[in-house]
């Protein structure tokens, strides 16, 4: 599964070959665009695959898409939150789904993605180490593309991109 704007490419042979024409990912009702971001796909215990998708128009923000045929087709499931920036899902051992997005924030679902909590911003406990030495540093530009990882001990590590010169990089 590789996402491109408005569609996905699938492979029936685990990546040895790929379809030539992408499968369209249709936007939810009243929206004009659905944009997959190569976020990791979450496989639920019942075999359903889920991924978050940025949508625009109508109720813009992050929407949840699901597949029950191993990624050959994707359907809109529900709206997750606003704003729409670079969403990523994480499935915890408890069954809770978390959705992280930009600006760095998180909401969660305890019912398999049917309903979602209010989104809360995640604020680092101290100013970024980049802030003091970087006259162009802006906290809101530094936490792009949050990607959560569940560590073996149960802690969650969120990697994010810093996309502003002169000190571009990855933070956690």
Protein backbone atom coordinates (compact mmCIF):
# COMPACT_ATOMS: atom_id res chain seq x y z
CA UNK A 1 0.00 0.00 0.00
CA UNK A 2 1.46 3.33 -1.09
CA UNK A 3 -0.63 6.48 -0.83
CA UNK A 4 -0.61 9.26 -3.38
CA UNK A 5 -2.80 12.35 -3.55
CA UNK A 6 -6.40 11.15 -3.91
CA UNK A 7 -5.52 7.48 -4.41
CA UNK A 8 -3.56 4.42 -3.39
CA UNK A 9 -1.42 1.89 -5.22
CA UNK A 10 -1.77 -1.70 -4.07
CA UNK A 11 0.40 -4.76 -4.50
CA UNK A 12 -0.99 -8.30 -4.51
CA UNK A 13 2.49 -9.85 -4.18
CA UNK A 14 3.89 -8.03 -1.15
CA UNK A 15 5.57 -5.23 -3.10
CA UNK A 16 7.18 -7.14 -5.98
CA UNK A 17 4.83 -5.44 -8.44
CA UNK A 18 2.34 -2.62 -8.15
CA UNK A 19 -0.85 -1.71 -9.93
CA UNK A 20 -0.33 0.96 -12.59
CA UNK A 21 -3.50 2.96 -11.99
CA UNK A 22 -4.20 4.08 -8.42
CA UNK A 23 -7.43 3.18 -6.66
CA UNK A 24 -9.28 6.38 -5.83
CA UNK A 25 -9.91 7.25 -2.19
CA UNK A 26 -13.18 9.14 -2.31
CA UNK A 27 -13.75 12.10 0.00
CA UNK A 28 -16.54 11.97 2.58
CA UNK A 29 -19.93 13.49 1.67
CA UNK A 30 -19.76 17.29 1.13
CA UNK A 31 -15.93 17.26 0.98
CA UNK A 32 -13.94 17.80 -2.21
CA UNK A 33 -10.63 16.12 -1.38
CA UNK A 34 -9.22 13.13 0.50
CA UNK A 35 -5.43 13.12 0.87
CA UNK A 36 -3.62 10.05 2.23
CA UNK A 37 -0.26 10.88 3.87
CA UNK A 38 1.51 7.50 4.00
CA UNK A 39 0.55 7.20 7.66
CA UNK A 40 1.03 3.71 9.10
CA UNK A 41 -2.03 1.50 8.72
CA UNK A 42 -3.52 0.02 11.88
CA UNK A 43 -4.80 -3.55 11.72
CA UNK A 44 -7.61 -4.09 14.20
CA UNK A 45 -8.17 -7.43 16.02
CA UNK A 46 -11.14 -8.20 13.72
CA UNK A 47 -8.90 -7.85 10.63
CA UNK A 48 -10.18 -4.40 9.58
CA UNK A 49 -7.47 -2.01 8.42
CA UNK A 50 -7.76 1.67 9.40
CA UNK A 51 -5.92 4.80 8.37
CA UNK A 52 -6.47 8.51 8.94
CA UNK A 53 -6.86 10.80 5.97
CA UNK A 54 -6.80 14.57 5.55
CA UNK A 55 -10.03 15.88 4.03
CA UNK A 56 -10.98 19.33 2.74
CA UNK A 57 -14.25 21.06 2.05
CA UNK A 58 -17.43 20.51 4.02
CA UNK A 59 -16.23 19.19 7.37
CA UNK A 60 -12.48 19.59 6.82
CA UNK A 61 -10.03 17.85 9.12
CA UNK A 62 -9.04 14.25 9.72
CA UNK A 63 -11.34 11.41 8.72
CA UNK A 64 -11.03 7.69 9.35
CA UNK A 65 -11.03 5.24 6.43
CA UNK A 66 -11.35 1.49 6.71
CA UNK A 67 -10.79 -1.58 4.58
CA UNK A 68 -12.23 -5.05 5.13
CA UNK A 69 -10.59 -6.53 2.01
CA UNK A 70 -6.90 -6.16 2.95
CA UNK A 71 -6.56 -2.69 1.44
CA UNK A 72 -8.06 -3.31 -2.00
CA UNK A 73 -10.78 -0.76 -1.30
CA UNK A 74 -11.19 1.97 1.31
CA UNK A 75 -14.36 3.55 2.66
CA UNK A 76 -14.96 6.64 4.74
CA UNK A 77 -15.89 5.62 8.31
CA UNK A 78 -16.13 8.77 10.44
CA UNK A 79 -14.75 12.24 11.11
CA UNK A 80 -11.99 12.24 13.75
CA UNK A 81 -10.97 15.86 14.44
CA UNK A 82 -9.77 19.22 13.16
CA UNK A 83 -7.34 20.51 11.99
CA UNK A 84 -6.23 18.26 9.16
CA UNK A 85 -2.44 18.25 9.53
CA UNK A 86 -0.54 15.00 8.91
CA UNK A 87 -2.53 12.44 10.93
CA UNK A 88 -1.19 9.12 12.25
CA UNK A 89 -2.93 6.35 14.24
CA UNK A 90 -1.60 4.21 17.05
CA UNK A 91 -3.34 1.13 18.48
CA UNK A 92 -2.57 0.50 22.15
CA UNK A 93 -2.59 -2.96 23.76
CA UNK A 94 -5.77 -1.95 25.62
CA UNK A 95 -7.56 -1.54 22.28
CA UNK A 96 -7.59 2.25 22.47
CA UNK A 97 -6.89 4.01 19.17
CA UNK A 98 -5.02 7.29 19.31
CA UNK A 99 -4.85 9.81 16.49
CA UNK A 100 -1.96 12.28 16.48
CA UNK A 101 -1.78 15.24 14.12
CA UNK A 102 -0.34 18.69 13.50
CA UNK A 103 -0.22 21.01 15.34
CA UNK A 104 0.99 18.41 17.79
CA UNK A 105 -2.14 17.05 19.42
CA UNK A 106 -3.98 13.80 20.10
CA UNK A 107 -7.49 12.41 20.43
CA UNK A 108 -8.58 8.85 21.12
CA UNK A 109 -11.29 6.27 20.54
CA UNK A 110 -12.25 3.38 22.82
CA UNK A 111 -14.81 1.87 20.43
CA UNK A 112 -12.72 0.89 17.41
CA UNK A 113 -12.80 4.35 15.84
CA UNK A 114 -16.57 4.93 15.84
CA UNK A 115 -16.41 7.94 18.18
CA UNK A 116 -13.47 10.16 19.17
CA UNK A 117 -12.56 12.26 22.19
CA UNK A 118 -11.97 15.98 21.99
CA UNK A 119 -8.52 16.71 20.55
CA UNK A 120 -5.96 18.03 23.05
CA UNK A 121 -2.72 19.77 22.22
CA UNK A 122 0.46 18.09 23.41
CA UNK A 123 2.77 20.68 24.83
CA UNK A 124 6.38 19.80 25.55
CA UNK A 125 7.21 20.19 29.28
CA UNK A 126 9.94 22.74 28.49
CA UNK A 127 10.80 24.98 25.57
CA UNK A 128 12.45 23.26 22.67
CA UNK A 129 16.24 23.10 22.73
CA UNK A 130 16.15 24.79 19.32
CA UNK A 131 14.40 27.92 20.59
CA UNK A 132 17.28 29.68 22.38
CA UNK A 133 19.78 29.51 19.52
CA UNK A 134 17.50 29.91 16.55
CA UNK A 135 16.04 33.32 15.67
CA UNK A 136 13.66 31.71 13.12
CA UNK A 137 12.35 29.03 15.48
CA UNK A 138 8.61 28.96 15.97
CA UNK A 139 7.16 26.21 18.15
CA UNK A 140 4.12 25.86 15.89
CA UNK A 141 6.33 25.09 12.87
CA UNK A 142 8.52 22.57 14.65
CA UNK A 143 6.20 19.66 15.38
CA UNK A 144 5.16 18.61 11.86
CA UNK A 145 4.17 15.09 10.83
CA UNK A 146 3.91 13.51 14.29
CA UNK A 147 4.47 9.75 14.10
CA UNK A 148 3.72 7.79 17.29
CA UNK A 149 5.56 4.58 18.22
CA UNK A 150 4.54 2.24 21.03
CA UNK A 151 7.68 1.17 22.90
CA UNK A 152 8.08 -2.26 24.49
CA UNK A 153 7.69 -0.83 27.99
CA UNK A 154 4.36 0.81 27.09
CA UNK A 155 5.63 4.37 26.70
CA UNK A 156 4.79 6.27 23.51
CA UNK A 157 7.51 8.01 21.51
CA UNK A 158 6.33 10.67 19.08
CA UNK A 159 8.78 11.59 16.35
CA UNK A 160 8.11 14.81 14.47
CA UNK A 161 9.71 16.87 11.75
CA UNK A 162 11.23 20.31 12.11
CA UNK A 163 10.84 21.80 8.66
CA UNK A 164 12.21 25.29 9.16
CA UNK A 165 15.77 26.30 8.26
CA UNK A 166 18.43 26.67 9.46
CA UNK A 167 18.12 23.78 11.93
CA UNK A 168 15.91 21.23 10.19
CA UNK A 169 15.71 17.81 11.76
CA UNK A 170 13.70 15.24 13.64
CA UNK A 171 12.59 15.66 17.21
CA UNK A 172 10.93 13.43 19.77
